[in-house]
Amino acid sequence: MPHTSLVSSILVTCPKALPPFLRAELEALGLSARELISGVETKGDLALCMRLNLLLRTGHRVLFELARFRAADPQALGDELGRLPWEDIIPVDGNLTVDSSVQNDNVRDGRYANQKAKDAIVDRILEQEGRRPNSGPDPIGACVFLHWRGNDVTVYLDTTGVPLSRRGYRKMPFKAPLQETLAAAVVLATGWRGEGHFLSPMCGSGTLGIEAALIALNRAPGLLRTGFAFQHLVGYDETAFEALRREARAQSRKRLDGRILLSDNDPGALEAARQNALTAGVETHLEYELNDFREIEVPEATGGGDICVLNPEYGARLGDVTGLAEVYAGIGDFFKQRLSGWRGYVFTGNPDLAKRVGLRPKRRIPFYNAKIECRLLEYEMYSGTRRVRQGEGEIPGEVQGEGQGENGQ
């Protein structure tokens, strides 16, 4: 294994539109970071990789760069990989998985590149140690990732394995749930960090509310995981990782300042949310109400940043678009009539339905839900008239509602 103090490039991957939030997380840890289309790059050692796997909310995989070389075809790839000291990295009695992103004229199927890489790695270990690790498609041991573009290959240790988006708490997913990392980014985009109340009507399986609770309590999401790929490398320092876990637990908060309220009109959704919150260890910090969003309890605004986020269906996978128009119109009425002093948000992938809200969004923040381009629309509710000062509320990289039509679309 590369010595834990060896510094190299670290690539943390994430879905499109999440790099600004991921970069902010890295910078909050005192790291310099460079945004890419689907990730953020920094520098550090394997000890830092352990820390990032434990703490990051919006990243998917933490990749530690091992080598760069040129290879025109799979044979050249295997030859180059066979020169690396894999016996110092992967245990002979362990398991190996290889994944890749390949764009090479001589490779029609990335799985072929994966197989050639696996063969080269285990053959090297067999030659040096007299034994070879098992290999397969499931990330149950050490993981290697190849980024191959043309003749340029970058070899990474995937220190994560199963993506960080799979926190481990969502045992009951219910209908079309938001991915955990996306839900965390949505909460972070609202600016809510635990001050004031957080309201999640149409809560579904509860992902938004659970991620909000983890953020407010400063709970490291990696504490929920049962394992990481770095634990299956030669020289893994279990004592150092346990020290990181103790430090993360010590920095978590015991109680909330405001309330987190989840509601849904489907009892199955509320049961899923409750069970998932229980698995996540935040069930006692959440409140639940079985009701239509128009009829739910809305606490009096605290003036300290009260947030309401709705994630209605948008017709891409569920529901009837025609029937949903009434729902979106009802959201606008709910905001105007019930949320004075709050900030309301709608997360949607259907801009036509978003117009039915009937309010002008202050901001429109881009996201992707899988391949669906979405927007998080912010509406600020206030009493009486209010003159907007030029530049107010503008944040670099965000799409502002100012200058748009009446519905901000």
Protein backbone atom coordinates (compact mmCIF):
# COMPACT_ATOMS: atom_id res chain seq x y z
CA MET A 1 0.00 0.00 0.00
CA PRO A 2 1.27 3.51 -0.68
CA HIS A 3 2.51 4.97 2.57
CA THR A 4 -0.30 6.81 4.34
CA SER A 5 1.76 10.03 4.23
CA LEU A 6 2.30 9.86 0.44
CA VAL A 7 0.59 12.89 -1.10
CA SER A 8 -1.18 12.52 -4.41
CA SER A 9 -4.13 13.90 -6.32
CA ILE A 10 -7.50 12.99 -4.82
CA LEU A 11 -10.59 13.06 -7.02
CA VAL A 12 -13.96 13.09 -5.24
CA THR A 13 -16.72 12.27 -7.71
CA CYS A 14 -20.30 13.52 -7.60
CA PRO A 15 -23.26 14.03 -9.98
CA LYS A 16 -23.43 17.06 -12.25
CA ALA A 17 -24.41 20.32 -10.52
CA LEU A 18 -23.13 19.12 -7.13
CA PRO A 19 -19.43 20.21 -7.45
CA PRO A 20 -20.06 23.69 -5.94
CA PHE A 21 -21.47 22.09 -2.79
CA LEU A 22 -18.75 19.45 -2.67
CA ARG A 23 -16.04 22.08 -3.12
CA ALA A 24 -17.55 24.09 -0.25
CA GLU A 25 -17.36 20.98 1.95
CA LEU A 26 -13.69 20.45 1.13
CA GLU A 27 -12.86 24.11 1.69
CA ALA A 28 -14.64 23.98 5.07
CA LEU A 29 -12.15 21.23 5.97
CA GLY A 30 -9.29 23.61 5.13
CA LEU A 31 -8.50 22.08 1.71
CA SER A 32 -7.96 23.78 -1.62
CA ALA A 33 -10.23 22.29 -4.27
CA ARG A 34 -10.80 22.55 -8.02
CA GLU A 35 -14.24 21.95 -9.50
CA LEU A 36 -14.72 19.56 -12.41
CA ILE A 37 -17.93 18.69 -14.27
CA SER A 38 -18.69 15.69 -12.06
CA GLY A 39 -16.30 15.99 -9.18
CA VAL A 40 -13.79 18.03 -7.23
CA GLU A 41 -10.03 17.57 -7.15
CA THR A 42 -7.73 18.18 -4.19
CA LYS A 43 -4.43 16.79 -2.86
CA GLY A 44 -3.68 14.70 0.17
CA ASP A 45 -2.74 11.30 1.54
CA LEU A 46 -4.67 8.13 2.32
CA ALA A 47 -5.32 9.36 5.85
CA LEU A 48 -7.18 12.29 4.29
CA CYS A 49 -9.12 9.83 2.11
CA MET A 50 -10.34 8.09 5.26
CA ARG A 51 -11.47 11.42 6.68
CA LEU A 52 -13.26 12.46 3.49
CA ASN A 53 -15.12 9.15 3.28
CA LEU A 54 -16.34 9.70 6.81
CA LEU A 55 -17.36 13.37 6.59
CA LEU A 56 -18.51 14.27 3.06
CA ARG A 57 -22.24 14.67 2.40
CA THR A 58 -22.32 15.38 -1.34
CA GLY A 59 -19.48 13.21 -2.71
CA HIS A 60 -19.88 9.71 -4.15
CA ARG A 61 -16.39 8.21 -4.37
CA VAL A 62 -12.97 9.26 -3.04
CA LEU A 63 -10.33 8.27 -5.61
CA PHE A 64 -6.60 8.34 -4.73
CA GLU A 65 -4.37 8.65 -7.79
CA LEU A 66 -1.76 5.89 -8.11
CA ALA A 67 -0.28 6.33 -11.57
CA ARG A 68 -0.59 7.89 -15.01
CA PHE A 69 0.66 6.34 -18.23
CA ARG A 70 -0.15 5.98 -21.92
CA ALA A 71 -1.74 2.87 -23.42
CA ALA A 72 -3.09 2.51 -26.94
CA ASP A 73 -4.93 -0.78 -26.44
CA PRO A 74 -5.85 -3.39 -23.79
CA GLN A 75 -2.55 -5.25 -24.20
CA ALA A 76 -0.59 -2.09 -23.49
CA LEU A 77 -2.90 -1.37 -20.55
CA GLY A 78 -2.16 -4.78 -19.04
CA ASP A 79 1.59 -4.38 -19.58
CA GLU A 80 1.68 -1.02 -17.82
CA LEU A 81 -0.51 -2.16 -14.92
CA GLY A 82 1.73 -5.20 -14.45
CA ARG A 83 4.65 -2.92 -13.64
CA LEU A 84 2.96 -1.39 -10.58
CA PRO A 85 3.70 -2.89 -7.09
CA TRP A 86 0.20 -4.26 -6.46
CA GLU A 87 1.53 -6.73 -3.89
CA ASP A 88 2.13 -3.72 -1.59
CA ILE A 89 -1.45 -2.52 -2.05
CA ILE A 90 -3.89 -5.44 -2.32
CA PRO A 91 -3.84 -8.39 0.14
CA VAL A 92 -3.28 -11.81 -1.42
CA ASP A 93 -6.16 -13.20 0.64
CA GLY A 94 -8.52 -10.33 -0.21
CA ASN A 95 -10.92 -9.42 -2.99
CA LEU A 96 -10.43 -7.07 -5.93
CA THR A 97 -12.92 -5.10 -8.04
CA VAL A 98 -12.01 -2.99 -11.06
CA ASP A 99 -14.29 -0.35 -12.52
CA SER A 100 -13.58 2.11 -15.29
CA SER A 101 -14.61 4.97 -17.52
CA VAL A 102 -13.26 4.20 -20.99
CA GLN A 103 -13.22 6.09 -24.27
CA ASN A 104 -10.70 4.29 -26.47
CA ASP A 105 -11.04 3.29 -30.12
CA ASN A 106 -9.74 -0.21 -29.38
CA VAL A 107 -12.21 -0.96 -26.59
CA ARG A 108 -15.88 -1.52 -27.43
CA ASP A 109 -16.95 -2.58 -23.95
CA GLY A 110 -15.53 -1.19 -20.72
CA ARG A 111 -16.00 -4.58 -19.08
CA TYR A 112 -13.25 -5.95 -21.31
CA ALA A 113 -10.87 -3.27 -20.05
CA ASN A 114 -11.87 -4.13 -16.48
CA GLN A 115 -11.09 -7.80 -17.06
CA LYS A 116 -7.71 -7.08 -18.65
CA ALA A 117 -6.86 -4.82 -15.71
CA LYS A 118 -7.92 -7.43 -13.14
CA ASP A 119 -5.85 -10.11 -14.87
CA ALA A 120 -2.77 -7.88 -14.95
CA ILE A 121 -3.10 -6.94 -11.28
CA VAL A 122 -3.70 -10.44 -9.88
CA ASP A 123 -1.02 -11.96 -12.15
CA ARG A 124 1.49 -9.46 -10.76
CA ILE A 125 0.53 -10.39 -7.19
CA LEU A 126 0.72 -14.11 -8.03
CA GLU A 127 4.18 -13.65 -9.51
CA GLN A 128 5.44 -11.74 -6.47
CA GLU A 129 3.65 -13.55 -3.64
CA GLY A 130 2.79 -17.01 -4.99
CA ARG A 131 -0.91 -16.40 -4.38
CA ARG A 132 -3.53 -14.16 -5.90
CA PRO A 133 -6.61 -12.38 -4.51
CA ASN A 134 -10.12 -13.19 -5.65
CA SER A 135 -11.75 -10.83 -8.13
CA GLY A 136 -15.32 -10.09 -9.11
CA PRO A 137 -17.87 -7.38 -9.90
CA ASP A 138 -19.05 -6.68 -6.34
CA PRO A 139 -17.16 -4.01 -4.32
CA ILE A 140 -16.51 -6.18 -1.25
CA GLY A 141 -12.76 -5.63 -1.01
CA ALA A 142 -10.10 -3.45 -2.59
CA CYS A 143 -11.30 -1.34 -5.53
CA VAL A 144 -9.35 0.05 -8.47
CA PHE A 145 -10.73 2.63 -10.91
CA LEU A 146 -9.38 3.38 -14.40
CA HIS A 147 -9.96 6.62 -16.26
CA TRP A 148 -8.98 5.98 -19.90
CA ARG A 149 -9.29 8.66 -22.56
CA GLY A 150 -7.64 8.00 -25.91
CA ASN A 151 -4.15 6.82 -24.98
CA ASP A 152 -4.09 8.49 -21.55
CA VAL A 153 -4.77 6.32 -18.50
CA THR A 154 -5.09 7.41 -14.87
CA VAL A 155 -5.17 4.65 -12.25
CA TYR A 156 -6.91 5.32 -8.96
CA LEU A 157 -7.46 3.46 -5.73
CA ASP A 158 -11.19 3.77 -5.08
CA THR A 159 -11.05 4.17 -1.31
CA THR A 160 -14.86 4.18 -1.01
CA GLY A 161 -16.29 1.06 -2.68
CA VAL A 162 -20.07 1.24 -2.44
CA PRO A 163 -20.83 4.92 -3.23
CA LEU A 164 -21.15 7.34 -0.32
CA SER A 165 -24.68 8.15 -1.51
CA ARG A 166 -25.73 4.83 -0.01
CA ARG A 167 -25.66 5.88 3.61
CA GLY A 168 -27.22 2.62 4.74
CA TYR A 169 -30.29 4.02 6.50
CA ARG A 170 -32.84 3.86 3.69
CA LYS A 171 -34.23 0.39 4.24
CA MET A 172 -37.70 1.46 3.03
CA PRO A 173 -37.24 3.60 -0.13
CA PHE A 174 -40.96 4.17 -0.94
CA LYS A 175 -41.68 5.93 -4.29
CA ALA A 176 -38.93 7.53 -6.44
CA PRO A 177 -36.83 8.78 -3.52
CA LEU A 178 -34.16 11.46 -3.82
CA GLN A 179 -30.63 10.12 -3.60
CA GLU A 180 -29.13 10.90 -0.21
CA THR A 181 -26.31 13.05 -1.59
CA LEU A 182 -28.77 15.04 -3.73
CA ALA A 183 -31.05 15.57 -0.74
CA ALA A 184 -28.09 16.79 1.32
CA ALA A 185 -27.12 19.24 -1.44
CA VAL A 186 -30.70 20.55 -1.61
CA VAL A 187 -30.68 21.22 2.14
CA LEU A 188 -27.26 22.86 1.92
CA ALA A 189 -28.48 25.03 -0.99
CA THR A 190 -31.22 26.48 1.22
CA GLY A 191 -28.58 27.65 3.69
CA TRP A 192 -30.31 25.83 6.56
CA ARG A 193 -27.89 24.50 9.16
CA GLY A 194 -30.23 23.85 12.08
CA GLU A 195 -31.34 27.32 13.07
CA GLY A 196 -35.10 27.79 12.84
CA HIS A 197 -37.55 25.12 11.67
CA PHE A 198 -37.33 22.73 8.72
CA LEU A 199 -40.59 21.57 7.17
CA SER A 200 -40.74 18.70 4.67
CA PRO A 201 -44.26 18.18 3.35
CA MET A 202 -44.71 15.35 0.81
CA CYS A 203 -41.82 13.74 2.70
CA GLY A 204 -41.97 10.33 1.00
CA SER A 205 -39.31 8.10 2.54
CA GLY A 206 -38.01 11.04 4.59
CA THR A 207 -34.65 11.58 2.90
CA LEU A 208 -34.78 15.40 2.97
CA GLY A 209 -35.74 15.47 6.65
CA ILE A 210 -33.13 12.88 7.62
CA GLU A 211 -30.35 14.69 5.76
CA ALA A 212 -31.48 17.96 7.35
CA ALA A 213 -31.22 16.34 10.78
CA LEU A 214 -27.74 14.96 10.05
CA ILE A 215 -26.61 18.43 8.96
CA ALA A 216 -28.18 20.22 11.92
CA LEU A 217 -26.68 17.74 14.38
CA ASN A 218 -23.30 17.84 12.61
CA ARG A 219 -23.43 14.04 12.32
CA ALA A 220 -20.85 12.59 9.93
CA PRO A 221 -22.81 10.56 7.35
CA GLY A 222 -20.00 8.02 7.10
CA LEU A 223 -20.65 6.95 10.69
CA LEU A 224 -23.75 5.17 9.37
CA ARG A 225 -21.71 2.97 7.03
CA THR A 226 -20.60 -0.57 7.77
CA GLY A 227 -17.42 -0.42 5.69
CA PHE A 228 -15.20 1.28 3.10
CA ALA A 229 -12.85 -0.05 0.44
CA PHE A 230 -9.77 1.46 2.14
CA GLN A 231 -10.28 -1.01 4.99
CA HIS A 232 -9.29 -3.79 2.57
CA LEU A 233 -5.86 -2.45 1.60
CA VAL A 234 -2.47 -3.69 2.80
CA GLY A 235 -1.41 -1.61 5.81
CA TYR A 236 -4.87 -0.29 6.69
CA ASP A 237 -4.54 1.58 9.99
CA GLU A 238 -7.60 0.60 12.01
CA THR A 239 -6.44 2.57 15.06
CA ALA A 240 -6.21 5.79 13.04
CA PHE A 241 -9.67 5.26 11.54
CA GLU A 242 -11.24 4.58 14.92
CA ALA A 243 -9.67 7.81 16.18
CA LEU A 244 -11.34 9.66 13.27
CA ARG A 245 -14.67 8.07 14.16
CA ARG A 246 -14.35 9.11 17.82
CA GLU A 247 -13.48 12.65 16.77
CA ALA A 248 -16.51 12.80 14.46
CA ARG A 249 -18.85 11.52 17.17
CA ALA A 250 -17.46 14.04 19.65
CA GLN A 251 -18.21 16.92 17.28
CA SER A 252 -21.85 15.96 16.77
CA ARG A 253 -24.59 17.87 18.59
CA LYS A 254 -27.12 16.31 20.96
CA ARG A 255 -30.16 18.46 20.20
CA LEU A 256 -31.71 20.77 17.63
CA ASP A 257 -32.43 24.48 17.94
CA GLY A 258 -35.57 24.31 15.80
CA ARG A 259 -38.03 21.60 14.81
CA ILE A 260 -37.90 19.24 11.82
CA LEU A 261 -41.40 18.28 10.72
CA LEU A 262 -42.20 15.64 8.11
CA SER A 263 -45.65 15.14 6.65
CA ASP A 264 -47.34 13.07 3.96
CA ASN A 265 -50.88 12.04 3.12
CA ASP A 266 -49.79 8.41 2.64
CA PRO A 267 -49.40 6.37 5.84
CA GLY A 268 -46.94 4.10 4.02
CA ALA A 269 -44.69 7.06 3.35
CA LEU A 270 -44.69 8.17 6.97
CA GLU A 271 -43.93 4.62 8.14
CA ALA A 272 -41.01 4.45 5.69
CA ALA A 273 -39.74 7.85 6.86
CA ARG A 274 -39.98 6.85 10.51
CA GLN A 275 -38.16 3.56 9.99
CA ASN A 276 -35.42 5.16 7.90
CA ALA A 277 -34.94 7.89 10.49
CA LEU A 278 -34.70 5.22 13.19
CA THR A 279 -31.97 3.43 11.22
CA ALA A 280 -30.17 6.75 10.76
CA GLY A 281 -30.31 7.43 14.49
CA VAL A 282 -32.32 10.65 14.17
CA GLU A 283 -35.88 9.38 14.67
CA THR A 284 -36.36 11.18 18.00
CA HIS A 285 -35.34 14.50 16.43
CA LEU A 286 -38.12 14.42 13.82
CA GLU A 287 -41.86 15.00 14.09
CA TYR A 288 -44.40 13.32 11.84
CA GLU A 289 -47.88 14.25 10.65
CA LEU A 290 -50.28 12.29 8.43
CA ASN A 291 -52.02 14.98 6.43
CA ASP A 292 -52.32 16.72 3.09
CA PHE A 293 -49.66 19.43 2.83
CA ARG A 294 -52.35 22.12 2.76
CA GLU A 295 -53.62 21.08 6.20
CA ILE A 296 -50.40 20.44 8.14
CA GLU A 297 -49.29 22.26 11.25
CA VAL A 298 -46.94 25.14 10.46
CA PRO A 299 -45.06 26.45 13.50
CA GLU A 300 -44.84 30.17 13.99
CA ALA A 301 -41.82 31.58 12.19
CA THR A 302 -38.82 32.04 14.47
CA GLY A 303 -37.17 34.67 12.31
CA GLY A 304 -34.05 32.53 12.41
CA GLY A 305 -34.21 30.97 8.95
CA ASP A 306 -37.30 28.77 8.76
CA ILE A 307 -37.30 26.56 5.66
CA CYS A 308 -39.97 24.54 3.86
CA VAL A 309 -38.94 22.21 1.00
CA LEU A 310 -41.43 20.37 -1.19
CA ASN A 311 -40.41 17.69 -3.66
CA PRO A 312 -43.63 17.05 -5.62
CA GLU A 313 -43.91 14.55 -8.43
CA TYR A 314 -43.06 16.05 -11.80
CA GLY A 315 -44.54 13.55 -14.18
CA ALA A 316 -41.29 12.00 -15.40
CA ARG A 317 -41.74 8.68 -13.62
CA LEU A 318 -44.89 8.95 -11.53
CA GLY A 319 -48.36 10.47 -11.71
CA ASP A 320 -50.39 12.32 -14.28
CA VAL A 321 -49.05 15.72 -15.36
CA THR A 322 -52.56 17.08 -15.80
CA GLY A 323 -53.52 16.13 -12.24
CA LEU A 324 -50.25 17.52 -10.91
CA ALA A 325 -51.04 21.04 -12.15
CA GLU A 326 -53.54 21.42 -9.33
CA VAL A 327 -50.95 20.24 -6.82
CA TYR A 328 -48.43 22.87 -7.93
CA ALA A 329 -51.07 25.59 -7.81
CA GLY A 330 -51.89 24.43 -4.29
CA ILE A 331 -48.24 24.79 -3.32
CA GLY A 332 -48.34 28.45 -4.31
CA ASP A 333 -51.49 29.00 -2.23
CA PHE A 334 -49.90 27.14 0.70
CA PHE A 335 -46.81 29.34 0.54
CA LYS A 336 -48.83 32.58 0.39
CA GLN A 337 -51.40 31.66 3.04
CA ARG A 338 -49.42 29.60 5.56
CA LEU A 339 -45.71 30.47 5.34
CA SER A 340 -45.45 34.14 6.20
CA GLY A 341 -41.90 34.80 7.40
CA TRP A 342 -40.58 31.54 5.92
CA ARG A 343 -38.59 30.66 2.83
CA GLY A 344 -40.31 28.08 0.65
CA TYR A 345 -38.60 25.82 -1.88
CA VAL A 346 -39.90 23.56 -4.65
CA PHE A 347 -37.62 20.92 -6.15
CA THR A 348 -38.91 19.90 -9.57
CA GLY A 349 -37.85 18.60 -12.95
CA ASN A 350 -40.89 20.00 -14.78
CA PRO A 351 -40.61 23.72 -15.62
CA ASP A 352 -44.15 23.84 -17.04
CA LEU A 353 -45.63 22.56 -13.79
CA ALA A 354 -43.40 24.95 -11.83
CA LYS A 355 -45.17 27.87 -13.52
CA ARG A 356 -48.40 26.73 -11.86
CA VAL A 357 -46.99 27.73 -8.46
CA GLY A 358 -47.88 31.26 -9.54
CA LEU A 359 -45.09 32.97 -7.60
CA ARG A 360 -41.89 34.56 -8.79
CA PRO A 361 -38.87 32.64 -7.49
CA LYS A 362 -36.04 34.60 -5.96
CA ARG A 363 -33.54 31.96 -7.10
CA ARG A 364 -33.50 28.97 -9.42
CA ILE A 365 -30.69 26.59 -8.49
CA PRO A 366 -29.84 23.87 -11.04
CA PHE A 367 -29.63 20.19 -10.08
CA TYR A 368 -29.91 16.80 -11.74
CA ASN A 369 -32.05 13.95 -10.42
CA ALA A 370 -30.41 11.06 -12.27
CA LYS A 371 -30.55 12.32 -15.89
CA ILE A 372 -33.45 14.71 -15.32
CA GLU A 373 -32.48 18.38 -15.22
CA CYS A 374 -34.17 19.95 -12.21
CA ARG A 375 -34.41 23.26 -10.39
CA LEU A 376 -34.67 24.14 -6.74
CA LEU A 377 -36.94 27.20 -6.77
CA GLU A 378 -36.76 29.57 -3.80
CA TYR A 379 -39.71 31.73 -2.74
CA GLU A 380 -39.36 34.23 0.07
CA MET A 381 -42.60 34.85 1.96
CA TYR A 382 -42.99 38.24 3.65
CA SER A 383 -45.80 40.53 4.75
CA GLY A 384 -46.59 43.74 2.87
CA THR A 385 -44.48 45.18 0.08
CA ARG A 386 -40.74 44.89 -0.21
CA ARG A 387 -38.36 46.68 -2.55
CA VAL A 388 -35.62 44.43 -3.91
CA ARG A 389 -32.21 46.06 -3.96
CA GLN A 390 -30.03 45.48 -6.99
CA GLY A 391 -27.81 42.42 -6.50
CA GLU A 392 -29.61 41.32 -3.32
CA GLY A 393 -29.44 37.60 -2.71
CA GLU A 394 -27.11 36.90 -5.63
CA ILE A 395 -24.72 34.03 -5.13
CA PRO A 396 -22.05 33.21 -7.76
CA GLY A 397 -22.94 30.18 -9.84
CA GLU A 398 -26.65 30.33 -9.09
CA VAL A 399 -29.41 31.24 -11.51
CA GLN A 400 -31.35 34.20 -10.21
CA GLY A 401 -35.08 34.78 -10.58
CA GLU A 402 -34.66 38.52 -11.11
CA GLY A 403 -35.39 39.62 -14.67
CA GLN A 404 -37.55 36.57 -15.43
CA GLY A 405 -41.21 36.52 -16.31
CA GLU A 406 -43.97 36.63 -13.73
CA ASN A 407 -43.47 32.96 -12.93
CA GLY A 408 -39.69 33.15 -13.06
CA GLN A 409 -39.45 30.66 -15.93
